[in-house]
Amino acid sequence: MRERLPEYLKRPIIDTDKTRTVRKILKTKCLNTVCENARCPNKNECYTKNTATFLIMGNVCTRNCRYCNIGCAKPEPLDKNEPEHVAEAIQALGLKYAVITSVTRDDLSDGGAGHFAECITEIRKLMPDVKVEILTPDFKGDRNSLDTIIKANPEVFNHNIETVQRLFKTARPQAIYTRSLEVLKYVKENSNITTKSGLMVGLGESFEEIEQTLNDLCKVGCDIVTIGQYIQPSKEHLPVEKYYTLEEFEELKKLAEKCGINHYQIGPLVRSSYNAAELHS
């Protein structure tokens, strides 16, 4: 029998004028959000703050990570108007800090790096003062793609490590642990962009393995780390091996500090873009 979801991981359904306004703007611009597609538990809280994490390049992925609720299928061609629509939605929402993420697009020669760059360009055309954080796939480690991102110069470059090295192939069969670290290292060594990464706990990792992952992130100069509880999206996904207690999350904060990570967001419902503006400020 599966362990019951602890009360502190449950969030109430919120439906207010603000949440309806955010949904209306997103629908009008034909935009996806990771909030909806990945069933983020914080989406209603974020919507009440007039914020959302924009999911670009479609809502199906070319990879099949076993923890993720986004479907794996052959993707549609890129929507050339999407960067402009993202910028217009951010303007309509009155955001001062925007988070852009994407599905993985291994079918594209640059992995979609150019599309990310176009989104940043369009946002800054309309709102030069808006700060932009991007949460990207690994682009297969292609340095030309990473150079495209660096040239676009977002304030924050986020690429999630997701889990410890031992569980990587189980959770992310088409990704490589060391490649993800190299992506973060390359951006850090070749730009002044703040780097960020995140991982889930509850897949069967040990505290020692989490410590090793945090040390690995620290060694590649990662500035910000997020850690949250993995919640199984459906019975078809990886099962939860453990629900961490609130006390254990406090221990993880101490562990991050011990490993030299000074900027972090750690807690049961923390996700990579949760309170992103506060973490960067």
Protein backbone atom coordinates (compact mmCIF):
# COMPACT_ATOMS: atom_id res chain seq x y z
CA MET A 1 0.00 0.00 0.00
CA ARG A 2 1.29 3.44 -0.93
CA GLU A 3 1.98 5.90 1.86
CA ARG A 4 -0.72 8.55 2.19
CA LEU A 5 0.13 12.10 1.17
CA PRO A 6 1.00 14.08 4.33
CA GLU A 7 -1.27 17.02 5.17
CA TYR A 8 1.57 19.53 4.75
CA LEU A 9 1.80 18.57 1.05
CA LYS A 10 -1.83 19.35 0.33
CA ARG A 11 -2.89 22.71 -1.11
CA PRO A 12 -6.46 24.08 -1.24
CA ILE A 13 -8.11 24.96 -4.55
CA ILE A 14 -8.20 28.74 -4.94
CA ASP A 15 -10.42 30.48 -7.47
CA THR A 16 -10.36 34.26 -7.33
CA ASP A 17 -10.54 37.17 -9.75
CA LYS A 18 -6.74 37.14 -9.92
CA THR A 19 -6.42 33.44 -10.74
CA ARG A 20 -9.14 33.76 -13.38
CA THR A 21 -7.37 36.79 -14.88
CA VAL A 22 -4.08 34.87 -15.20
CA ARG A 23 -5.81 31.92 -16.86
CA LYS A 24 -7.66 34.26 -19.23
CA ILE A 25 -4.45 36.02 -20.32
CA LEU A 26 -2.68 32.70 -20.89
CA LYS A 27 -5.62 31.34 -22.89
CA THR A 28 -5.92 34.51 -24.99
CA LYS A 29 -2.25 34.29 -25.96
CA CYS A 30 -2.46 30.50 -26.54
CA LEU A 31 0.32 29.89 -24.02
CA ASN A 32 1.24 26.87 -21.92
CA THR A 33 2.50 26.98 -18.36
CA VAL A 34 4.47 24.38 -16.46
CA CYS A 35 2.08 25.19 -13.59
CA GLU A 36 -0.75 23.40 -15.43
CA ASN A 37 1.16 20.85 -17.51
CA ALA A 38 3.31 19.55 -14.65
CA ARG A 39 0.48 19.82 -12.10
CA CYS A 40 2.48 22.08 -9.80
CA PRO A 41 0.97 22.20 -6.29
CA ASN A 42 1.79 25.90 -5.98
CA LYS A 43 0.03 27.13 -9.11
CA ASN A 44 -2.95 28.76 -7.38
CA GLU A 45 -0.72 30.56 -4.90
CA CYS A 46 1.42 31.86 -7.78
CA TYR A 47 -1.64 32.86 -9.81
CA THR A 48 -2.90 34.95 -6.90
CA LYS A 49 0.42 36.83 -7.13
CA ASN A 50 -0.15 37.38 -10.87
CA THR A 51 2.73 35.10 -11.81
CA ALA A 52 3.23 31.92 -13.81
CA THR A 53 6.11 29.95 -15.28
CA PHE A 54 5.73 30.00 -19.05
CA LEU A 55 6.24 26.69 -20.87
CA ILE A 56 7.49 27.33 -24.39
CA MET A 57 7.95 25.15 -27.49
CA GLY A 58 4.79 23.12 -26.99
CA ASN A 59 3.41 20.85 -24.29
CA VAL A 60 4.89 17.50 -25.33
CA CYS A 61 8.47 16.42 -24.76
CA THR A 62 10.97 14.39 -26.78
CA ARG A 63 12.18 12.69 -23.59
CA ASN A 64 10.36 10.41 -21.21
CA CYS A 65 11.52 11.27 -17.69
CA ARG A 66 9.72 8.94 -15.32
CA TYR A 67 8.77 11.56 -12.73
CA CYS A 68 7.33 14.19 -15.08
CA ASN A 69 3.67 14.71 -15.94
CA ILE A 70 4.41 16.28 -19.34
CA GLY A 71 3.71 13.77 -22.10
CA CYS A 72 6.32 12.33 -24.48
CA ALA A 73 5.35 12.47 -28.17
CA LYS A 74 6.37 13.89 -31.51
CA PRO A 75 6.27 17.67 -31.02
CA GLU A 76 4.63 20.25 -33.26
CA PRO A 77 6.71 22.80 -35.20
CA LEU A 78 7.71 25.87 -33.22
CA ASP A 79 5.19 28.70 -33.00
CA LYS A 80 7.12 31.65 -34.41
CA ASN A 81 4.74 34.08 -32.68
CA GLU A 82 5.24 32.54 -29.26
CA PRO A 83 8.11 34.81 -28.09
CA GLU A 84 6.00 37.90 -28.82
CA HIS A 85 2.95 36.37 -27.11
CA VAL A 86 4.99 35.50 -24.02
CA ALA A 87 6.22 39.08 -23.82
CA GLU A 88 2.69 40.44 -24.22
CA ALA A 89 1.37 38.14 -21.48
CA ILE A 90 4.14 39.23 -19.11
CA GLN A 91 3.28 42.86 -19.83
CA ALA A 92 -0.45 42.19 -19.27
CA LEU A 93 0.31 40.50 -15.94
CA GLY A 94 2.50 43.40 -14.88
CA LEU A 95 5.41 41.13 -13.97
CA LYS A 96 8.78 42.47 -12.89
CA TYR A 97 10.35 38.99 -12.89
CA ALA A 98 9.55 36.38 -15.53
CA VAL A 99 10.36 32.67 -15.57
CA ILE A 100 10.52 30.83 -18.90
CA THR A 101 10.94 27.08 -19.18
CA SER A 102 10.42 24.53 -21.94
CA VAL A 103 9.90 20.94 -22.85
CA THR A 104 13.02 19.19 -24.16
CA ARG A 105 13.25 19.50 -27.95
CA ASP A 106 15.93 17.05 -29.09
CA ASP A 107 14.36 17.25 -32.56
CA LEU A 108 15.69 20.80 -33.03
CA SER A 109 19.29 21.35 -34.13
CA ASP A 110 19.93 23.83 -31.30
CA GLY A 111 17.56 22.19 -28.80
CA GLY A 112 15.46 25.35 -28.85
CA ALA A 113 18.18 27.70 -27.56
CA GLY A 114 17.38 30.22 -30.28
CA HIS A 115 13.72 30.22 -29.29
CA PHE A 116 14.67 30.94 -25.67
CA ALA A 117 16.83 33.82 -26.91
CA GLU A 118 13.96 35.22 -29.00
CA CYS A 119 11.68 35.16 -25.95
CA ILE A 120 14.23 37.13 -23.94
CA THR A 121 14.63 39.62 -26.80
CA GLU A 122 10.87 40.17 -27.14
CA ILE A 123 10.41 40.59 -23.38
CA ARG A 124 13.10 43.25 -23.26
CA LYS A 125 11.65 45.06 -26.27
CA LEU A 126 8.39 45.58 -24.39
CA MET A 127 9.74 45.78 -20.83
CA PRO A 128 13.47 46.53 -20.59
CA ASP A 129 13.43 46.40 -16.79
CA VAL A 130 11.88 42.96 -16.43
CA LYS A 131 14.30 40.36 -15.04
CA VAL A 132 14.27 37.01 -16.83
CA GLU A 133 15.02 33.55 -15.44
CA ILE A 134 15.14 30.61 -17.82
CA LEU A 135 14.88 26.96 -16.84
CA THR A 136 16.31 24.94 -19.70
CA PRO A 137 16.95 21.36 -20.81
CA ASP A 138 20.56 20.25 -21.25
CA PHE A 139 20.69 20.96 -25.04
CA LYS A 140 22.67 17.66 -25.19
CA GLY A 141 25.56 19.67 -23.79
CA ASP A 142 25.99 21.54 -27.08
CA ARG A 143 28.18 24.58 -26.46
CA ASN A 144 26.88 26.50 -29.47
CA SER A 145 23.41 26.31 -27.94
CA LEU A 146 24.75 27.41 -24.57
CA ASP A 147 26.57 30.31 -26.26
CA THR A 148 23.24 31.40 -27.76
CA ILE A 149 21.76 31.46 -24.26
CA ILE A 150 24.75 33.32 -22.83
CA LYS A 151 24.54 35.96 -25.57
CA ALA A 152 20.83 36.51 -24.74
CA ASN A 153 22.01 37.21 -21.17
CA PRO A 154 19.12 36.24 -18.88
CA GLU A 155 19.54 37.25 -15.24
CA VAL A 156 19.31 33.61 -14.10
CA PHE A 157 20.15 30.36 -15.93
CA ASN A 158 18.48 27.37 -14.27
CA HIS A 159 19.09 23.76 -15.24
CA ASN A 160 17.81 21.13 -12.83
CA ILE A 161 19.99 18.20 -11.83
CA GLU A 162 16.73 16.62 -10.53
CA THR A 163 18.14 13.65 -8.59
CA VAL A 164 21.29 11.99 -7.27
CA GLN A 165 23.71 10.23 -9.61
CA ARG A 166 22.73 6.65 -8.66
CA LEU A 167 19.07 7.27 -9.55
CA PHE A 168 19.71 9.36 -12.66
CA LYS A 169 19.25 6.66 -15.29
CA THR A 170 16.10 5.39 -13.58
CA ALA A 171 14.49 8.82 -13.39
CA ARG A 172 16.03 10.43 -16.48
CA PRO A 173 17.00 7.65 -18.91
CA GLN A 174 17.88 10.04 -21.77
CA ALA A 175 19.97 12.43 -19.68
CA ILE A 176 23.44 12.24 -18.11
CA TYR A 177 24.33 13.42 -14.60
CA THR A 178 27.80 14.69 -15.49
CA ARG A 179 26.47 16.43 -18.61
CA SER A 180 24.02 18.43 -16.53
CA LEU A 181 26.86 19.50 -14.25
CA GLU A 182 28.97 20.48 -17.27
CA VAL A 183 26.13 22.64 -18.62
CA LEU A 184 25.99 24.59 -15.36
CA LYS A 185 29.77 24.84 -15.22
CA TYR A 186 30.05 26.15 -18.80
CA VAL A 187 27.50 28.92 -18.24
CA LYS A 188 29.15 29.93 -14.97
CA GLU A 189 32.67 30.03 -16.45
CA ASN A 190 31.67 31.93 -19.58
CA SER A 191 29.25 34.55 -18.29
CA ASN A 192 28.19 36.68 -15.34
CA ILE A 193 24.78 34.98 -15.30
CA THR A 194 23.52 33.64 -11.96
CA THR A 195 23.26 29.84 -12.15
CA LYS A 196 20.64 27.74 -10.43
CA SER A 197 19.68 24.08 -10.11
CA GLY A 198 17.20 21.93 -8.23
CA LEU A 199 16.49 18.40 -7.14
CA MET A 200 13.61 16.29 -5.87
CA VAL A 201 13.79 14.09 -2.80
CA GLY A 202 11.73 11.01 -2.08
CA LEU A 203 12.94 8.70 -4.86
CA GLY A 204 15.04 6.53 -2.56
CA GLU A 205 18.19 8.62 -2.24
CA SER A 206 20.23 8.79 0.98
CA PHE A 207 21.33 11.92 2.83
CA GLU A 208 24.90 11.05 1.84
CA GLU A 209 23.91 11.02 -1.83
CA ILE A 210 22.13 14.37 -1.47
CA GLU A 211 25.26 15.77 0.15
CA GLN A 212 27.37 14.52 -2.75
CA THR A 213 24.99 16.14 -5.25
CA LEU A 214 25.11 19.45 -3.36
CA ASN A 215 28.90 19.27 -3.29
CA ASP A 216 28.93 18.58 -7.04
CA LEU A 217 26.71 21.63 -7.66
CA CYS A 218 28.91 23.77 -5.45
CA LYS A 219 32.03 22.67 -7.36
CA VAL A 220 30.58 23.91 -10.66
CA GLY A 221 29.77 27.28 -9.09
CA CYS A 222 26.00 26.88 -8.84
CA ASP A 223 24.67 29.98 -7.05
CA ILE A 224 21.13 28.89 -6.09
CA VAL A 225 19.68 25.46 -5.25
CA THR A 226 16.08 24.37 -4.73
CA ILE A 227 15.00 21.11 -3.08
CA GLY A 228 11.42 19.85 -2.81
CA GLN A 229 9.45 16.68 -2.20
CA TYR A 230 8.71 14.46 -5.20
CA ILE A 231 4.98 13.81 -5.57
CA GLN A 232 3.93 11.03 -7.94
CA PRO A 233 1.79 12.52 -10.77
CA SER A 234 0.09 9.19 -11.54
CA LYS A 235 0.46 5.45 -10.99
CA GLU A 236 2.38 5.28 -14.28
CA HIS A 237 5.21 7.39 -12.83
CA LEU A 238 7.96 6.50 -10.38
CA PRO A 239 6.56 5.75 -6.92
CA VAL A 240 7.39 7.86 -3.89
CA GLU A 241 9.84 5.91 -1.75
CA LYS A 242 9.74 8.38 1.14
CA TYR A 243 7.92 11.52 2.26
CA TYR A 244 10.43 13.70 4.05
CA THR A 245 9.28 15.22 7.33
CA LEU A 246 9.40 18.95 8.03
CA GLU A 247 12.28 18.26 10.42
CA GLU A 248 14.21 16.46 7.68
CA PHE A 249 13.78 19.45 5.38
CA GLU A 250 15.35 21.58 8.10
CA GLU A 251 18.27 19.13 8.11
CA LEU A 252 18.59 19.53 4.34
CA LYS A 253 18.92 23.30 4.80
CA LYS A 254 21.83 22.70 7.19
CA LEU A 255 23.33 20.26 4.70
CA ALA A 256 23.16 22.85 1.90
CA GLU A 257 24.97 25.39 4.07
CA LYS A 258 27.58 22.79 5.01
CA CYS A 259 28.21 22.18 1.29
CA GLY A 260 28.71 25.88 0.62
CA ILE A 261 25.30 26.63 -0.92
CA ASN A 262 24.34 30.01 0.54
CA HIS A 263 21.23 30.75 -1.52
CA TYR A 264 18.58 28.05 -1.42
CA GLN A 265 14.87 27.35 -1.19
CA ILE A 266 14.22 24.04 0.57
CA GLY A 267 10.85 22.69 1.68
CA PRO A 268 8.15 20.11 0.91
CA LEU A 269 6.37 22.12 -1.80
CA VAL A 270 9.38 23.92 -3.22
CA ARG A 271 9.69 23.72 -6.99
CA SER A 272 12.39 25.19 -9.22
CA SER A 273 10.63 28.46 -9.98
CA TYR A 274 8.77 28.87 -6.66
CA ASN A 275 9.46 32.36 -5.23
CA ALA A 276 12.12 32.74 -7.92
CA ALA A 277 12.22 36.54 -7.73
CA GLU A 278 12.82 36.50 -3.97
CA LEU A 279 15.69 34.03 -4.35
CA HIS A 280 17.44 36.16 -6.95
CA SER A 281 17.05 39.50 -5.16
